[in-house]
Amino acid sequence: MDITINASFLPHLDADESLTFYRDVLGFEVRKDVGYQQMRWITVGPGGQPDTSIVLHPPAVDPGISDDERTTILELMAKGSYGGIVLATADVDAAFAEIEAKGADIVQEPIDQPYGVRDCAFRDPAGNMVRLQQSA
């Protein structure tokens, strides 16, 4: 069986802020930018990896979600505990320095974790946790 990850979804609160973060801070390329009424879905991904993407989407727009559920989702996003993603790079320390210099919301500087990886963490403009680990 040959299965790959095509896309992951992360919510955004401000499409332009999220676009700037993923494009200008992380260096991802923009693959699609689709709007409908006041909503926007932006697909981004790392250069040279056209089959791997992140779709930045408006949160809680599913018509089947109740107002209480929508409120809960927005509260979890505000705490930074709703969405997240783990990325990898060949040099986590150099990448961290560049990301920090571009003003990212830093959660954790690079550290050797007891479970065997070196990583760091920061939040995107919507509060999503982004962990960046040293690739093997």
N, C-alpha and C. Protein backbone atom coordinates (compact mmCIF):
# COMPACT_ATOMS: atom_id res chain seq x y z
N MET A 1 0.85 -1.17 0.00
CA MET A 1 0.00 0.00 0.00
C MET A 1 0.90 1.24 0.00
N ASP A 2 0.56 2.21 -0.84
CA ASP A 2 1.34 3.44 -0.95
C ASP A 2 0.44 4.61 -0.58
N ILE A 3 0.56 5.10 0.66
CA ILE A 3 -0.26 6.20 1.16
C ILE A 3 0.66 7.36 1.53
N THR A 4 0.29 8.55 1.14
CA THR A 4 1.05 9.74 1.50
C THR A 4 0.11 10.75 2.15
N ILE A 5 0.69 11.74 2.81
CA ILE A 5 -0.10 12.84 3.36
C ILE A 5 -0.18 13.92 2.29
N ASN A 6 -1.39 14.25 1.88
CA ASN A 6 -1.59 15.25 0.84
C ASN A 6 -1.78 16.63 1.46
N ALA A 7 -2.66 16.73 2.45
CA ALA A 7 -2.94 18.03 3.05
C ALA A 7 -3.37 17.88 4.50
N SER A 8 -2.95 18.83 5.30
CA SER A 8 -3.43 18.99 6.67
C SER A 8 -4.15 20.32 6.73
N PHE A 9 -5.06 20.45 7.67
CA PHE A 9 -5.86 21.67 7.77
C PHE A 9 -5.58 22.36 9.10
N LEU A 10 -5.36 23.67 9.04
CA LEU A 10 -5.19 24.50 10.23
C LEU A 10 -6.12 25.70 10.10
N PRO A 11 -6.80 26.06 11.17
CA PRO A 11 -7.68 27.22 11.10
C PRO A 11 -6.90 28.53 11.16
N HIS A 12 -7.48 29.55 10.56
CA HIS A 12 -6.92 30.90 10.68
C HIS A 12 -8.01 31.83 11.17
N LEU A 13 -7.60 32.89 11.82
CA LEU A 13 -8.54 33.93 12.24
C LEU A 13 -8.48 35.13 11.31
N ASP A 14 -7.31 35.32 10.72
CA ASP A 14 -7.08 36.42 9.78
C ASP A 14 -6.29 35.84 8.61
N ALA A 15 -6.94 35.72 7.48
CA ALA A 15 -6.31 35.08 6.32
C ALA A 15 -5.01 35.76 5.91
N ASP A 16 -5.00 37.09 5.91
CA ASP A 16 -3.79 37.81 5.49
C ASP A 16 -2.64 37.60 6.46
N GLU A 17 -2.92 37.62 7.77
CA GLU A 17 -1.86 37.37 8.76
C GLU A 17 -1.30 35.95 8.60
N SER A 18 -2.18 34.99 8.43
CA SER A 18 -1.73 33.61 8.28
C SER A 18 -0.93 33.43 6.99
N LEU A 19 -1.40 34.04 5.91
CA LEU A 19 -0.68 33.98 4.65
C LEU A 19 0.72 34.56 4.81
N THR A 20 0.83 35.71 5.44
CA THR A 20 2.13 36.34 5.66
C THR A 20 3.04 35.44 6.48
N PHE A 21 2.51 34.83 7.52
CA PHE A 21 3.31 33.95 8.37
C PHE A 21 3.84 32.75 7.59
N TYR A 22 2.97 32.01 6.95
CA TYR A 22 3.40 30.79 6.27
C TYR A 22 4.23 31.08 5.02
N ARG A 23 3.96 32.18 4.34
CA ARG A 23 4.73 32.52 3.15
C ARG A 23 6.04 33.23 3.51
N ASP A 24 5.96 34.28 4.33
CA ASP A 24 7.12 35.14 4.56
C ASP A 24 8.00 34.69 5.72
N VAL A 25 7.41 34.10 6.75
CA VAL A 25 8.20 33.64 7.90
C VAL A 25 8.72 32.23 7.66
N LEU A 26 7.84 31.32 7.24
CA LEU A 26 8.27 29.93 7.03
C LEU A 26 8.76 29.65 5.61
N GLY A 27 8.50 30.55 4.68
CA GLY A 27 9.00 30.38 3.32
C GLY A 27 8.20 29.43 2.45
N PHE A 28 6.96 29.14 2.84
CA PHE A 28 6.13 28.24 2.03
C PHE A 28 5.62 28.97 0.80
N GLU A 29 5.33 28.20 -0.24
CA GLU A 29 4.75 28.79 -1.44
C GLU A 29 3.23 28.70 -1.36
N VAL A 30 2.58 29.65 -1.99
CA VAL A 30 1.13 29.68 -2.03
C VAL A 30 0.68 28.86 -3.23
N ARG A 31 -0.18 27.89 -2.98
CA ARG A 31 -0.65 27.00 -4.05
C ARG A 31 -2.05 27.39 -4.53
N LYS A 32 -2.90 27.77 -3.61
CA LYS A 32 -4.27 28.20 -3.94
C LYS A 32 -4.69 29.26 -2.93
N ASP A 33 -5.52 30.15 -3.37
CA ASP A 33 -6.10 31.17 -2.50
C ASP A 33 -7.54 31.35 -2.98
N VAL A 34 -8.47 30.75 -2.25
CA VAL A 34 -9.86 30.68 -2.69
C VAL A 34 -10.76 31.39 -1.69
N GLY A 35 -11.60 32.27 -2.18
CA GLY A 35 -12.52 32.98 -1.31
C GLY A 35 -13.96 32.66 -1.65
N TYR A 36 -14.79 32.77 -0.62
CA TYR A 36 -16.23 32.63 -0.79
C TYR A 36 -16.89 33.52 0.24
N GLN A 37 -17.60 34.51 -0.21
CA GLN A 37 -18.20 35.53 0.65
C GLN A 37 -17.09 36.14 1.51
N GLN A 38 -17.19 36.11 2.83
CA GLN A 38 -16.16 36.69 3.68
C GLN A 38 -15.09 35.69 4.10
N MET A 39 -15.12 34.49 3.54
CA MET A 39 -14.22 33.42 3.97
C MET A 39 -13.12 33.19 2.93
N ARG A 40 -12.02 32.61 3.41
CA ARG A 40 -10.88 32.36 2.53
C ARG A 40 -10.17 31.09 2.94
N TRP A 41 -9.85 30.25 1.97
CA TRP A 41 -9.06 29.04 2.16
C TRP A 41 -7.77 29.24 1.39
N ILE A 42 -6.63 29.09 2.08
CA ILE A 42 -5.33 29.31 1.44
C ILE A 42 -4.53 28.02 1.59
N THR A 43 -4.08 27.51 0.46
CA THR A 43 -3.26 26.29 0.48
C THR A 43 -1.80 26.70 0.30
N VAL A 44 -0.96 26.28 1.23
CA VAL A 44 0.48 26.59 1.20
C VAL A 44 1.25 25.29 1.35
N GLY A 45 2.52 25.34 0.99
CA GLY A 45 3.35 24.15 1.18
C GLY A 45 4.80 24.46 0.91
N PRO A 46 5.67 23.56 1.35
CA PRO A 46 7.10 23.77 1.15
C PRO A 46 7.48 23.62 -0.32
N GLY A 47 8.37 24.49 -0.77
CA GLY A 47 8.86 24.41 -2.14
C GLY A 47 9.50 23.05 -2.40
N GLY A 48 9.33 22.55 -3.59
CA GLY A 48 9.91 21.27 -3.95
C GLY A 48 9.11 20.07 -3.45
N GLN A 49 8.00 20.32 -2.78
CA GLN A 49 7.15 19.24 -2.27
C GLN A 49 5.70 19.53 -2.68
N PRO A 50 5.42 19.47 -3.97
CA PRO A 50 4.10 19.88 -4.45
C PRO A 50 2.95 18.99 -3.98
N ASP A 51 3.25 17.82 -3.49
CA ASP A 51 2.18 16.91 -3.05
C ASP A 51 1.90 16.99 -1.55
N THR A 52 2.54 17.94 -0.85
CA THR A 52 2.33 18.11 0.58
C THR A 52 1.90 19.54 0.85
N SER A 53 0.73 19.71 1.45
CA SER A 53 0.19 21.05 1.65
C SER A 53 -0.47 21.21 3.02
N ILE A 54 -0.61 22.46 3.40
CA ILE A 54 -1.41 22.85 4.55
C ILE A 54 -2.50 23.76 4.01
N VAL A 55 -3.74 23.48 4.39
CA VAL A 55 -4.86 24.33 4.00
C VAL A 55 -5.23 25.18 5.22
N LEU A 56 -5.07 26.47 5.09
CA LEU A 56 -5.44 27.41 6.14
C LEU A 56 -6.89 27.79 5.87
N HIS A 57 -7.74 27.55 6.83
CA HIS A 57 -9.18 27.69 6.59
C HIS A 57 -9.86 28.49 7.70
N PRO A 58 -11.02 29.06 7.38
CA PRO A 58 -11.78 29.75 8.43
C PRO A 58 -12.32 28.72 9.42
N PRO A 59 -12.23 29.00 10.70
CA PRO A 59 -12.66 28.01 11.69
C PRO A 59 -14.18 27.94 11.83
N ALA A 60 -14.64 26.77 12.12
CA ALA A 60 -16.03 26.56 12.53
C ALA A 60 -17.06 27.09 11.54
N VAL A 61 -16.81 26.90 10.25
CA VAL A 61 -17.79 27.37 9.26
C VAL A 61 -18.74 26.26 8.82
N ASP A 62 -18.52 25.06 9.30
CA ASP A 62 -19.41 23.95 8.96
C ASP A 62 -20.82 24.28 9.43
N PRO A 63 -21.80 24.21 8.53
CA PRO A 63 -23.17 24.55 8.95
C PRO A 63 -23.73 23.61 10.01
N GLY A 64 -23.11 22.45 10.22
CA GLY A 64 -23.59 21.52 11.22
C GLY A 64 -23.06 21.81 12.62
N ILE A 65 -22.23 22.83 12.76
CA ILE A 65 -21.66 23.19 14.06
C ILE A 65 -22.58 24.17 14.76
N SER A 66 -22.87 23.89 16.02
CA SER A 66 -23.75 24.78 16.79
C SER A 66 -22.99 26.03 17.23
N ASP A 67 -23.71 27.03 17.69
CA ASP A 67 -23.08 28.25 18.19
C ASP A 67 -22.18 27.93 19.39
N ASP A 68 -22.62 27.02 20.28
CA ASP A 68 -21.80 26.64 21.43
C ASP A 68 -20.51 25.96 20.97
N GLU A 69 -20.60 25.09 19.99
CA GLU A 69 -19.41 24.42 19.47
C GLU A 69 -18.47 25.44 18.82
N ARG A 70 -19.03 26.38 18.08
CA ARG A 70 -18.23 27.43 17.43
C ARG A 70 -17.49 28.24 18.50
N THR A 71 -18.17 28.58 19.57
CA THR A 71 -17.54 29.32 20.67
C THR A 71 -16.42 28.51 21.29
N THR A 72 -16.65 27.22 21.51
CA THR A 72 -15.62 26.35 22.09
C THR A 72 -14.39 26.29 21.19
N ILE A 73 -14.60 26.15 19.89
CA ILE A 73 -13.47 26.10 18.96
C ILE A 73 -12.67 27.40 19.03
N LEU A 74 -13.33 28.53 19.02
CA LEU A 74 -12.63 29.81 19.09
C LEU A 74 -11.90 29.98 20.43
N GLU A 75 -12.48 29.49 21.51
CA GLU A 75 -11.81 29.55 22.81
C GLU A 75 -10.56 28.67 22.82
N LEU A 76 -10.65 27.47 22.26
CA LEU A 76 -9.49 26.58 22.19
C LEU A 76 -8.40 27.17 21.31
N MET A 77 -8.78 27.80 20.21
CA MET A 77 -7.79 28.45 19.35
C MET A 77 -7.07 29.56 20.12
N ALA A 78 -7.83 30.34 20.89
CA ALA A 78 -7.23 31.45 21.65
C ALA A 78 -6.21 30.94 22.66
N LYS A 79 -6.44 29.74 23.18
CA LYS A 79 -5.50 29.14 24.14
C LYS A 79 -4.34 28.44 23.42
N GLY A 80 -4.43 28.28 22.11
CA GLY A 80 -3.39 27.59 21.37
C GLY A 80 -3.47 26.08 21.47
N SER A 81 -4.63 25.56 21.82
CA SER A 81 -4.74 24.12 22.02
C SER A 81 -5.72 23.45 21.04
N TYR A 82 -6.06 24.13 19.96
CA TYR A 82 -7.00 23.54 19.00
C TYR A 82 -6.27 22.84 17.85
N GLY A 83 -5.36 23.53 17.18
CA GLY A 83 -4.67 22.97 16.03
C GLY A 83 -3.17 22.98 16.21
N GLY A 84 -2.51 22.15 15.47
CA GLY A 84 -1.06 22.12 15.52
C GLY A 84 -0.49 21.27 14.41
N ILE A 85 0.81 21.44 14.19
CA ILE A 85 1.49 20.68 13.16
C ILE A 85 2.95 20.53 13.55
N VAL A 86 3.58 19.45 13.12
CA VAL A 86 5.00 19.22 13.35
C VAL A 86 5.70 19.26 12.00
N LEU A 87 6.68 20.15 11.89
CA LEU A 87 7.49 20.28 10.68
C LEU A 87 8.90 19.81 10.99
N ALA A 88 9.70 19.60 9.97
CA ALA A 88 11.09 19.16 10.17
C ALA A 88 12.02 19.96 9.27
N THR A 89 13.26 20.09 9.73
CA THR A 89 14.29 20.80 8.97
C THR A 89 15.65 20.18 9.27
N ALA A 90 16.58 20.37 8.36
CA ALA A 90 17.92 19.81 8.54
C ALA A 90 18.70 20.52 9.64
N ASP A 91 18.39 21.80 9.91
CA ASP A 91 19.12 22.56 10.93
C ASP A 91 18.12 23.37 11.74
N VAL A 92 17.61 22.76 12.81
CA VAL A 92 16.56 23.40 13.61
C VAL A 92 17.06 24.69 14.27
N ASP A 93 18.32 24.75 14.67
CA ASP A 93 18.83 25.95 15.32
C ASP A 93 18.88 27.14 14.36
N ALA A 94 19.36 26.90 13.14
CA ALA A 94 19.41 27.98 12.15
C ALA A 94 18.01 28.42 11.75
N ALA A 95 17.11 27.47 11.56
CA ALA A 95 15.73 27.81 11.20
C ALA A 95 15.07 28.58 12.32
N PHE A 96 15.29 28.15 13.57
CA PHE A 96 14.71 28.86 14.71
C PHE A 96 15.19 30.30 14.74
N ALA A 97 16.49 30.52 14.55
CA ALA A 97 17.04 31.88 14.59
C ALA A 97 16.37 32.76 13.54
N GLU A 98 16.14 32.22 12.35
CA GLU A 98 15.50 32.98 11.28
C GLU A 98 14.03 33.26 11.61
N ILE A 99 13.34 32.27 12.11
CA ILE A 99 11.92 32.43 12.46
C ILE A 99 11.77 33.43 13.61
N GLU A 100 12.64 33.33 14.61
CA GLU A 100 12.60 34.28 15.73
C GLU A 100 12.88 35.70 15.26
N ALA A 101 13.86 35.86 14.36
CA ALA A 101 14.21 37.19 13.84
C ALA A 101 13.06 37.82 13.06
N LYS A 102 12.18 36.99 12.51
CA LYS A 102 11.04 37.48 11.75
C LYS A 102 9.83 37.76 12.64
N GLY A 103 10.00 37.62 13.96
CA GLY A 103 8.97 38.03 14.90
C GLY A 103 7.93 37.00 15.28
N ALA A 104 8.21 35.72 15.07
CA ALA A 104 7.24 34.69 15.44
C ALA A 104 7.02 34.66 16.95
N ASP A 105 5.86 34.20 17.35
CA ASP A 105 5.50 34.04 18.75
C ASP A 105 6.16 32.76 19.26
N ILE A 106 7.30 32.90 19.92
CA ILE A 106 8.10 31.76 20.36
C ILE A 106 7.51 31.14 21.61
N VAL A 107 7.40 29.82 21.62
CA VAL A 107 6.92 29.07 22.77
C VAL A 107 8.08 28.34 23.44
N GLN A 108 8.99 27.80 22.63
CA GLN A 108 10.12 27.04 23.18
C GLN A 108 11.32 27.15 22.25
N GLU A 109 12.44 27.53 22.80
CA GLU A 109 13.68 27.56 22.03
C GLU A 109 14.14 26.14 21.75
N PRO A 110 15.06 25.95 20.80
CA PRO A 110 15.53 24.58 20.49
C PRO A 110 16.07 23.88 21.74
N ILE A 111 15.67 22.62 21.88
CA ILE A 111 16.07 21.82 23.03
C ILE A 111 16.12 20.35 22.61
N ASP A 112 17.03 19.62 23.24
CA ASP A 112 17.09 18.17 23.03
C ASP A 112 16.05 17.53 23.94
N GLN A 113 15.05 16.92 23.34
CA GLN A 113 13.97 16.30 24.10
C GLN A 113 14.38 14.92 24.62
N PRO A 114 13.84 14.50 25.76
CA PRO A 114 14.18 13.19 26.31
C PRO A 114 13.73 12.03 25.42
N TYR A 115 12.82 12.30 24.49
CA TYR A 115 12.35 11.24 23.59
C TYR A 115 13.15 11.18 22.29
N GLY A 116 14.29 11.90 22.23
CA GLY A 116 15.24 11.69 21.15
C GLY A 116 15.25 12.67 20.00
N VAL A 117 14.49 13.74 20.05
CA VAL A 117 14.55 14.73 18.97
C VAL A 117 14.96 16.08 19.52
N ARG A 118 15.55 16.89 18.68
CA ARG A 118 15.82 18.28 19.01
C ARG A 118 14.73 19.09 18.31
N ASP A 119 14.03 19.93 19.05
CA ASP A 119 12.97 20.70 18.44
C ASP A 119 12.76 22.03 19.14
N CYS A 120 11.88 22.82 18.55
CA CYS A 120 11.47 24.10 19.11
C CYS A 120 9.99 24.27 18.81
N ALA A 121 9.39 25.32 19.35
CA ALA A 121 7.96 25.52 19.12
C ALA A 121 7.63 27.01 19.07
N PHE A 122 6.64 27.32 18.25
CA PHE A 122 6.13 28.68 18.13
C PHE A 122 4.67 28.59 17.71
N ARG A 123 4.00 29.72 17.74
CA ARG A 123 2.58 29.75 17.35
C ARG A 123 2.42 30.58 16.08
N ASP A 124 1.47 30.17 15.26
CA ASP A 124 1.14 30.99 14.10
C ASP A 124 0.17 32.08 14.56
N PRO A 125 -0.22 33.00 13.69
CA PRO A 125 -1.09 34.11 14.11
C PRO A 125 -2.44 33.70 14.69
N ALA A 126 -2.92 32.50 14.36
CA ALA A 126 -4.20 32.02 14.90
C ALA A 126 -4.03 31.30 16.22
N GLY A 127 -2.79 31.12 16.67
CA GLY A 127 -2.52 30.42 17.92
C GLY A 127 -2.21 28.95 17.74
N ASN A 128 -2.21 28.46 16.50
CA ASN A 128 -1.87 27.05 16.26
C ASN A 128 -0.43 26.77 16.66
N MET A 129 -0.21 25.66 17.35
CA MET A 129 1.13 25.27 17.75
C MET A 129 1.88 24.70 16.54
N VAL A 130 3.07 25.24 16.30
CA VAL A 130 3.94 24.72 15.24
C VAL A 130 5.22 24.26 15.92
N ARG A 131 5.47 22.95 15.84
CA ARG A 131 6.72 22.40 16.37
C ARG A 131 7.62 22.16 15.17
N LEU A 132 8.88 22.49 15.34
CA LEU A 132 9.87 22.29 14.29
C LEU A 132 10.97 21.41 14.86
N GLN A 133 11.17 20.25 14.24
CA GLN A 133 12.16 19.33 14.77
C GLN A 133 13.29 19.10 13.76
N GLN A 134 14.42 18.72 14.34
CA GLN A 134 15.59 18.37 13.53
C GLN A 134 15.29 17.08 12.78
N SER A 135 15.48 17.11 11.46
CA SER A 135 15.26 15.88 10.70
C SER A 135 16.46 14.96 10.89
N ALA A 136 16.20 13.68 10.77
CA ALA A 136 17.26 12.67 11.00
C ALA A 136 18.29 12.68 9.92
